Structure formats: C-alpha cells, structure tokens
N, C-alpha and C. Protein backbone atom coordinates (compact mmCIF):
# COMPACT_ATOMS: atom_id res chain seq x y z
N UNK A 1 -15.06 -9.01 0.94
CA UNK A 1 -13.77 -8.38 0.72
C UNK A 1 -13.43 -8.48 -0.76
N UNK A 2 -13.19 -7.32 -1.36
CA UNK A 2 -12.82 -7.30 -2.77
C UNK A 2 -11.37 -7.74 -2.94
N UNK A 3 -11.15 -8.63 -3.91
CA UNK A 3 -9.78 -9.07 -4.22
C UNK A 3 -9.32 -8.31 -5.45
N UNK A 4 -8.16 -7.72 -5.35
CA UNK A 4 -7.61 -6.93 -6.45
C UNK A 4 -6.84 -7.86 -7.39
N UNK A 5 -7.53 -8.33 -8.40
CA UNK A 5 -6.93 -9.24 -9.38
C UNK A 5 -5.80 -8.54 -10.11
N UNK A 6 -4.70 -9.23 -10.27
CA UNK A 6 -3.55 -8.67 -10.98
C UNK A 6 -2.60 -7.88 -10.09
N UNK A 7 -3.00 -7.61 -8.86
CA UNK A 7 -2.13 -6.87 -7.94
C UNK A 7 -1.09 -7.85 -7.39
N UNK A 8 0.20 -7.48 -7.37
CA UNK A 8 1.21 -8.41 -6.86
C UNK A 8 0.96 -8.79 -5.41
N UNK A 9 1.15 -10.07 -5.10
CA UNK A 9 0.89 -10.54 -3.74
C UNK A 9 2.03 -10.22 -2.78
N UNK A 10 3.22 -9.99 -3.33
CA UNK A 10 4.37 -9.67 -2.47
C UNK A 10 5.45 -9.01 -3.31
N UNK A 11 6.48 -8.50 -2.65
CA UNK A 11 7.64 -7.96 -3.34
C UNK A 11 8.43 -9.13 -3.91
N UNK A 12 8.77 -9.11 -5.18
CA UNK A 12 9.49 -10.24 -5.79
C UNK A 12 10.73 -10.64 -5.00
N UNK A 13 10.91 -11.94 -4.85
CA UNK A 13 12.07 -12.56 -4.19
C UNK A 13 12.17 -12.23 -2.70
N UNK A 14 11.06 -11.86 -2.07
CA UNK A 14 11.07 -11.56 -0.64
C UNK A 14 9.82 -12.15 0.00
N UNK A 15 9.74 -12.00 1.32
CA UNK A 15 8.54 -12.38 2.05
C UNK A 15 7.71 -11.17 2.46
N UNK A 16 7.97 -10.01 1.86
CA UNK A 16 7.20 -8.81 2.16
C UNK A 16 5.86 -8.90 1.45
N UNK A 17 4.79 -9.08 2.21
CA UNK A 17 3.44 -9.34 1.71
C UNK A 17 2.73 -8.04 1.33
N UNK A 18 2.02 -8.06 0.20
CA UNK A 18 1.22 -6.91 -0.25
C UNK A 18 -0.28 -7.18 -0.13
N UNK A 19 -0.70 -8.44 -0.22
CA UNK A 19 -2.12 -8.78 -0.15
C UNK A 19 -2.35 -9.92 0.83
N UNK A 20 -3.61 -10.09 1.22
CA UNK A 20 -3.99 -11.21 2.07
C UNK A 20 -4.91 -12.12 1.26
N UNK A 21 -4.99 -13.37 1.66
CA UNK A 21 -5.81 -14.33 0.91
C UNK A 21 -7.28 -14.30 1.29
N UNK A 22 -7.54 -14.12 2.59
CA UNK A 22 -8.92 -14.18 3.06
C UNK A 22 -9.11 -13.20 4.21
N UNK A 23 -10.35 -12.76 4.43
CA UNK A 23 -10.61 -11.83 5.54
C UNK A 23 -10.46 -12.52 6.89
N UNK A 24 -10.31 -11.72 7.93
CA UNK A 24 -10.24 -12.30 9.27
C UNK A 24 -11.56 -12.99 9.57
N UNK A 25 -11.51 -14.08 10.32
CA UNK A 25 -12.72 -14.87 10.56
C UNK A 25 -13.63 -14.24 11.61
N UNK A 26 -13.05 -13.65 12.62
CA UNK A 26 -13.86 -13.06 13.69
C UNK A 26 -13.51 -11.60 13.85
N UNK A 27 -14.51 -10.80 14.07
CA UNK A 27 -14.26 -9.39 14.35
C UNK A 27 -14.02 -8.57 13.11
N UNK A 28 -13.51 -7.39 13.34
CA UNK A 28 -13.25 -6.44 12.26
C UNK A 28 -11.86 -6.64 11.68
N UNK A 29 -11.65 -6.17 10.45
CA UNK A 29 -10.30 -6.22 9.89
C UNK A 29 -9.34 -5.36 10.71
N UNK A 30 -8.05 -5.60 10.58
CA UNK A 30 -7.08 -4.76 11.30
C UNK A 30 -7.29 -3.28 10.94
N UNK A 31 -7.22 -2.44 11.94
CA UNK A 31 -7.44 -1.00 11.76
C UNK A 31 -6.26 -0.38 11.01
N UNK A 32 -6.57 0.50 10.07
CA UNK A 32 -5.52 1.26 9.38
C UNK A 32 -5.13 2.45 10.24
N UNK A 33 -3.84 2.65 10.40
CA UNK A 33 -3.33 3.80 11.15
C UNK A 33 -1.94 4.13 10.62
N UNK A 34 -1.55 5.36 10.81
CA UNK A 34 -0.24 5.82 10.32
C UNK A 34 0.87 5.28 11.23
N UNK A 35 1.87 4.64 10.61
CA UNK A 35 3.04 4.18 11.37
C UNK A 35 4.21 5.09 11.05
N UNK A 36 4.99 5.39 12.04
CA UNK A 36 6.15 6.27 11.88
C UNK A 36 7.24 5.54 11.09
N UNK A 37 7.74 6.19 10.03
CA UNK A 37 8.86 5.64 9.27
C UNK A 37 10.12 6.39 9.68
N UNK A 38 10.94 5.74 10.44
CA UNK A 38 12.18 6.36 10.92
C UNK A 38 13.26 6.29 9.84
N UNK A 39 14.19 7.23 9.88
CA UNK A 39 15.25 7.30 8.88
C UNK A 39 16.17 6.09 8.92
N UNK A 40 16.24 5.40 10.06
CA UNK A 40 17.17 4.27 10.17
C UNK A 40 16.50 2.92 9.84
N UNK A 41 15.38 2.94 9.14
CA UNK A 41 14.74 1.67 8.74
C UNK A 41 15.66 0.88 7.83
N UNK A 42 15.53 -0.42 7.87
CA UNK A 42 16.38 -1.28 7.04
C UNK A 42 16.12 -1.01 5.56
N UNK A 43 17.15 -1.13 4.73
CA UNK A 43 16.96 -0.93 3.29
C UNK A 43 15.90 -1.86 2.69
N UNK A 44 15.81 -3.09 3.18
CA UNK A 44 14.80 -4.03 2.67
C UNK A 44 13.39 -3.52 2.95
N UNK A 45 13.17 -2.92 4.12
CA UNK A 45 11.86 -2.36 4.45
C UNK A 45 11.53 -1.18 3.54
N UNK A 46 12.52 -0.36 3.27
CA UNK A 46 12.31 0.77 2.36
C UNK A 46 11.99 0.30 0.95
N UNK A 47 12.68 -0.76 0.49
CA UNK A 47 12.39 -1.33 -0.83
C UNK A 47 10.97 -1.90 -0.88
N UNK A 48 10.52 -2.50 0.22
CA UNK A 48 9.16 -3.03 0.26
C UNK A 48 8.13 -1.91 0.14
N UNK A 49 8.35 -0.81 0.85
CA UNK A 49 7.45 0.35 0.74
C UNK A 49 7.44 0.88 -0.69
N UNK A 50 8.62 0.99 -1.26
CA UNK A 50 8.76 1.50 -2.62
C UNK A 50 8.05 0.58 -3.62
N UNK A 51 8.24 -0.73 -3.47
CA UNK A 51 7.58 -1.69 -4.36
C UNK A 51 6.07 -1.66 -4.21
N UNK A 52 5.60 -1.52 -2.97
CA UNK A 52 4.16 -1.44 -2.72
C UNK A 52 3.57 -0.19 -3.37
N UNK A 53 4.24 0.93 -3.22
CA UNK A 53 3.74 2.17 -3.82
C UNK A 53 3.77 2.08 -5.34
N UNK A 54 4.79 1.43 -5.90
CA UNK A 54 4.85 1.23 -7.35
C UNK A 54 3.63 0.41 -7.80
N UNK A 55 3.33 -0.66 -7.05
CA UNK A 55 2.19 -1.51 -7.39
C UNK A 55 0.87 -0.72 -7.30
N UNK A 56 0.72 0.09 -6.25
CA UNK A 56 -0.50 0.91 -6.13
C UNK A 56 -0.62 1.90 -7.29
N UNK A 57 0.49 2.56 -7.63
CA UNK A 57 0.48 3.52 -8.73
C UNK A 57 0.17 2.83 -10.06
N UNK A 58 0.77 1.68 -10.29
CA UNK A 58 0.57 0.96 -11.53
C UNK A 58 -0.85 0.43 -11.64
N UNK A 59 -1.38 -0.07 -10.55
CA UNK A 59 -2.69 -0.71 -10.56
C UNK A 59 -3.84 0.30 -10.50
N UNK A 60 -3.70 1.35 -9.67
CA UNK A 60 -4.82 2.27 -9.45
C UNK A 60 -4.59 3.68 -9.95
N UNK A 61 -3.34 4.13 -10.03
CA UNK A 61 -3.06 5.50 -10.43
C UNK A 61 -3.65 6.48 -9.43
N UNK A 62 -4.33 7.50 -9.93
CA UNK A 62 -4.91 8.52 -9.06
C UNK A 62 -6.35 8.21 -8.66
N UNK A 63 -6.91 7.13 -9.18
CA UNK A 63 -8.30 6.78 -8.91
C UNK A 63 -8.49 6.22 -7.50
N UNK A 64 -9.60 6.51 -6.85
CA UNK A 64 -9.89 5.90 -5.55
C UNK A 64 -10.03 4.38 -5.70
N UNK A 65 -9.64 3.67 -4.67
CA UNK A 65 -9.72 2.22 -4.69
C UNK A 65 -10.18 1.70 -3.34
N UNK A 66 -10.75 0.51 -3.34
CA UNK A 66 -11.24 -0.13 -2.14
C UNK A 66 -10.07 -0.82 -1.44
N UNK A 67 -10.04 -0.75 -0.13
CA UNK A 67 -8.98 -1.42 0.64
C UNK A 67 -8.91 -2.90 0.29
N UNK A 68 -10.04 -3.56 0.31
CA UNK A 68 -10.12 -4.96 -0.10
C UNK A 68 -9.09 -5.86 0.55
N UNK A 69 -8.37 -6.62 -0.28
CA UNK A 69 -7.42 -7.61 0.24
C UNK A 69 -6.00 -7.05 0.38
N UNK A 70 -5.83 -5.74 0.35
CA UNK A 70 -4.50 -5.16 0.55
C UNK A 70 -4.09 -5.35 2.01
N UNK A 71 -2.85 -5.73 2.24
CA UNK A 71 -2.36 -6.05 3.57
C UNK A 71 -2.32 -4.79 4.45
N UNK A 72 -2.99 -4.85 5.59
CA UNK A 72 -3.06 -3.70 6.50
C UNK A 72 -1.67 -3.34 7.03
N UNK A 73 -0.85 -4.33 7.31
CA UNK A 73 0.49 -4.05 7.82
C UNK A 73 1.31 -3.23 6.84
N UNK A 74 1.24 -3.57 5.57
CA UNK A 74 1.98 -2.82 4.54
C UNK A 74 1.33 -1.47 4.31
N UNK A 75 0.00 -1.41 4.29
CA UNK A 75 -0.70 -0.13 4.10
C UNK A 75 -0.37 0.86 5.21
N UNK A 76 -0.23 0.36 6.44
CA UNK A 76 0.02 1.26 7.57
C UNK A 76 1.32 2.03 7.42
N UNK A 77 2.31 1.48 6.71
CA UNK A 77 3.58 2.19 6.54
C UNK A 77 3.44 3.40 5.62
N UNK A 78 2.42 3.42 4.75
CA UNK A 78 2.24 4.53 3.82
C UNK A 78 0.94 5.30 4.07
N UNK A 79 0.08 4.77 4.96
CA UNK A 79 -1.21 5.40 5.23
C UNK A 79 -1.02 6.75 5.93
N UNK A 80 -1.81 7.71 5.49
CA UNK A 80 -1.76 9.05 6.08
C UNK A 80 -0.72 9.93 5.42
N UNK A 81 0.09 9.36 4.56
CA UNK A 81 1.09 10.13 3.83
C UNK A 81 0.85 9.92 2.33
N UNK A 82 1.38 8.84 1.77
CA UNK A 82 1.24 8.57 0.34
C UNK A 82 -0.14 7.99 -0.01
N UNK A 83 -0.76 7.31 0.92
CA UNK A 83 -2.11 6.76 0.73
C UNK A 83 -3.02 7.43 1.75
N UNK A 84 -4.07 8.05 1.25
CA UNK A 84 -4.97 8.82 2.13
C UNK A 84 -6.41 8.36 1.93
N UNK A 85 -7.29 8.63 2.92
CA UNK A 85 -8.70 8.29 2.75
C UNK A 85 -9.31 9.04 1.57
N UNK A 86 -10.19 8.36 0.85
CA UNK A 86 -10.85 8.99 -0.29
C UNK A 86 -12.33 9.24 -0.02
N UNK A 87 -12.73 9.08 1.24
CA UNK A 87 -14.13 9.31 1.60
C UNK A 87 -14.20 9.93 2.99
N UNK A 88 -15.33 10.60 3.22
CA UNK A 88 -15.55 11.19 4.52
C UNK A 88 -16.99 10.90 4.92
N UNK A 89 -17.28 10.22 5.98
CA UNK A 89 -16.34 9.73 6.98
C UNK A 89 -15.61 8.47 6.50
N UNK A 90 -14.42 8.28 7.04
CA UNK A 90 -13.58 7.14 6.68
C UNK A 90 -13.61 6.11 7.80
N UNK A 91 -13.84 4.85 7.44
CA UNK A 91 -13.86 3.77 8.43
C UNK A 91 -12.56 2.98 8.30
N UNK A 92 -11.61 3.15 9.22
CA UNK A 92 -10.32 2.46 9.11
C UNK A 92 -10.41 0.96 9.40
N UNK A 93 -11.58 0.48 9.80
CA UNK A 93 -11.75 -0.93 10.10
C UNK A 93 -12.72 -1.60 9.13
N UNK A 94 -12.68 -1.19 7.87
CA UNK A 94 -13.57 -1.76 6.86
C UNK A 94 -12.78 -2.17 5.63
N UNK A 95 -13.10 -3.35 5.12
CA UNK A 95 -12.50 -3.80 3.86
C UNK A 95 -13.05 -2.99 2.68
N UNK A 96 -14.18 -2.30 2.88
CA UNK A 96 -14.80 -1.52 1.82
C UNK A 96 -14.38 -0.05 1.84
N UNK A 97 -13.49 0.33 2.73
CA UNK A 97 -13.03 1.72 2.84
C UNK A 97 -12.35 2.15 1.54
N UNK A 98 -12.63 3.38 1.11
CA UNK A 98 -12.01 3.91 -0.10
C UNK A 98 -10.73 4.68 0.24
N UNK A 99 -9.69 4.40 -0.52
CA UNK A 99 -8.39 5.06 -0.37
C UNK A 99 -7.98 5.64 -1.71
N UNK A 100 -6.98 6.49 -1.70
CA UNK A 100 -6.39 6.99 -2.95
C UNK A 100 -4.93 7.32 -2.70
N UNK A 101 -4.16 7.32 -3.79
CA UNK A 101 -2.74 7.65 -3.72
C UNK A 101 -2.58 9.15 -3.86
N UNK A 102 -1.83 9.76 -2.95
CA UNK A 102 -1.48 11.18 -3.05
C UNK A 102 -0.24 11.25 -3.94
N UNK A 103 -0.45 11.59 -5.21
CA UNK A 103 0.61 11.55 -6.21
C UNK A 103 1.78 12.47 -5.85
N UNK A 104 1.49 13.69 -5.44
CA UNK A 104 2.56 14.64 -5.12
C UNK A 104 3.43 14.13 -3.98
N UNK A 105 2.81 13.64 -2.94
CA UNK A 105 3.56 13.11 -1.79
C UNK A 105 4.36 11.86 -2.18
N UNK A 106 3.78 11.03 -3.02
CA UNK A 106 4.47 9.82 -3.49
C UNK A 106 5.70 10.20 -4.32
N UNK A 107 5.58 11.21 -5.16
CA UNK A 107 6.72 11.65 -5.97
C UNK A 107 7.86 12.17 -5.09
N UNK A 108 7.51 12.83 -3.99
CA UNK A 108 8.55 13.33 -3.08
C UNK A 108 9.18 12.19 -2.28
N UNK A 109 8.37 11.24 -1.83
CA UNK A 109 8.87 10.16 -0.98
C UNK A 109 9.55 9.04 -1.75
N UNK A 110 9.03 8.73 -2.94
CA UNK A 110 9.55 7.61 -3.74
C UNK A 110 9.77 8.05 -5.19
N UNK A 111 10.71 8.96 -5.43
CA UNK A 111 10.90 9.48 -6.79
C UNK A 111 11.33 8.42 -7.80
N UNK A 112 12.02 7.38 -7.35
CA UNK A 112 12.53 6.37 -8.28
C UNK A 112 11.43 5.58 -8.98
N UNK A 113 10.27 5.41 -8.34
CA UNK A 113 9.23 4.60 -8.97
C UNK A 113 8.63 5.28 -10.20
N UNK A 114 8.94 6.54 -10.40
CA UNK A 114 8.43 7.25 -11.57
C UNK A 114 9.41 7.19 -12.74
N UNK A 115 10.58 6.57 -12.53
CA UNK A 115 11.52 6.37 -13.63
C UNK A 115 11.03 5.22 -14.50
N UNK A 116 11.09 5.32 -15.82
CA UNK A 116 10.59 4.25 -16.68
C UNK A 116 11.39 2.95 -16.58
N UNK A 117 12.65 3.02 -16.15
CA UNK A 117 13.49 1.80 -16.07
C UNK A 117 13.47 1.16 -14.69
N UNK A 118 12.69 1.70 -13.75
CA UNK A 118 12.65 1.17 -12.39
C UNK A 118 11.84 -0.11 -12.35
N UNK A 119 12.27 -1.07 -11.52
CA UNK A 119 11.53 -2.33 -11.33
C UNK A 119 11.45 -2.63 -9.85
N UNK A 120 10.33 -3.21 -9.37
CA UNK A 120 10.21 -3.53 -7.94
C UNK A 120 11.25 -4.53 -7.49
N UNK A 121 11.78 -4.32 -6.31
CA UNK A 121 12.78 -5.22 -5.75
C UNK A 121 14.17 -4.99 -6.32
N UNK A 122 14.34 -3.94 -7.11
CA UNK A 122 15.66 -3.64 -7.67
C UNK A 122 16.08 -4.57 -8.79
N UNK A 123 15.11 -5.23 -9.42
CA UNK A 123 15.44 -6.18 -10.47
C UNK A 123 15.53 -5.51 -11.81
C-alpha cells in the first residue's frame, strides 16, 4: 500500500480521517462505491468533504493517483462524482487502483476550495 507522504491525515481540529495507517490484515481493502450525499447532511460532514477535496486538489491536481492509504470511508463520499476511476478496468478493492479528480465537477460541488484565501476546516 502506497503511503501519500505530505497528505493531511485528517481535517484540522476534527476526528474526520483522510488517511489510514496500515492496510487491513485479512482480505481485501474496503470496496470503493458511491455514497449518496443528501442535502440535509451535517455542516461538519460537508466541511470534511470540502477539506478532503482541497487536499486531493492540492496534493494531486489533475494527475492520476493511487488509492494507497487514502481512507475508503472518506473517498466513498466523493467517489463517482468528484473522484473517478483513472483506469479501465477499475478494481474498487485494490490499494493500487488509479483515481483522478474531475476538476469540472469539483468546481461545481466545492467552489470555495478554489478561492486563494480558503483554508480547510474554516480556519
């Protein structure tokens, strides 16, 4: 499992996790799948998604990246929309799966992260 050095491990001042420390010991990694984001989600959850997307944009930009140690739970909230498979066929149960950020979709969903004065966690 590739570890993304320099990638934030969580949203500042929260327990919203962005990375994992080690791979699962038995079996396959958690499967990536699209989770429905309802309009009535808590503001803290929306800030976590926004902070995660900011970190992905800052760290990887438009380049494809390996899933590696990115938290599957957090990825699932943006997978299939702002983060899409970068390879065909795509294995959703692999730490080596390639992903990429869909810049246009990210700009529509999280316009604030493109402001130069924006900071993760509202700081």
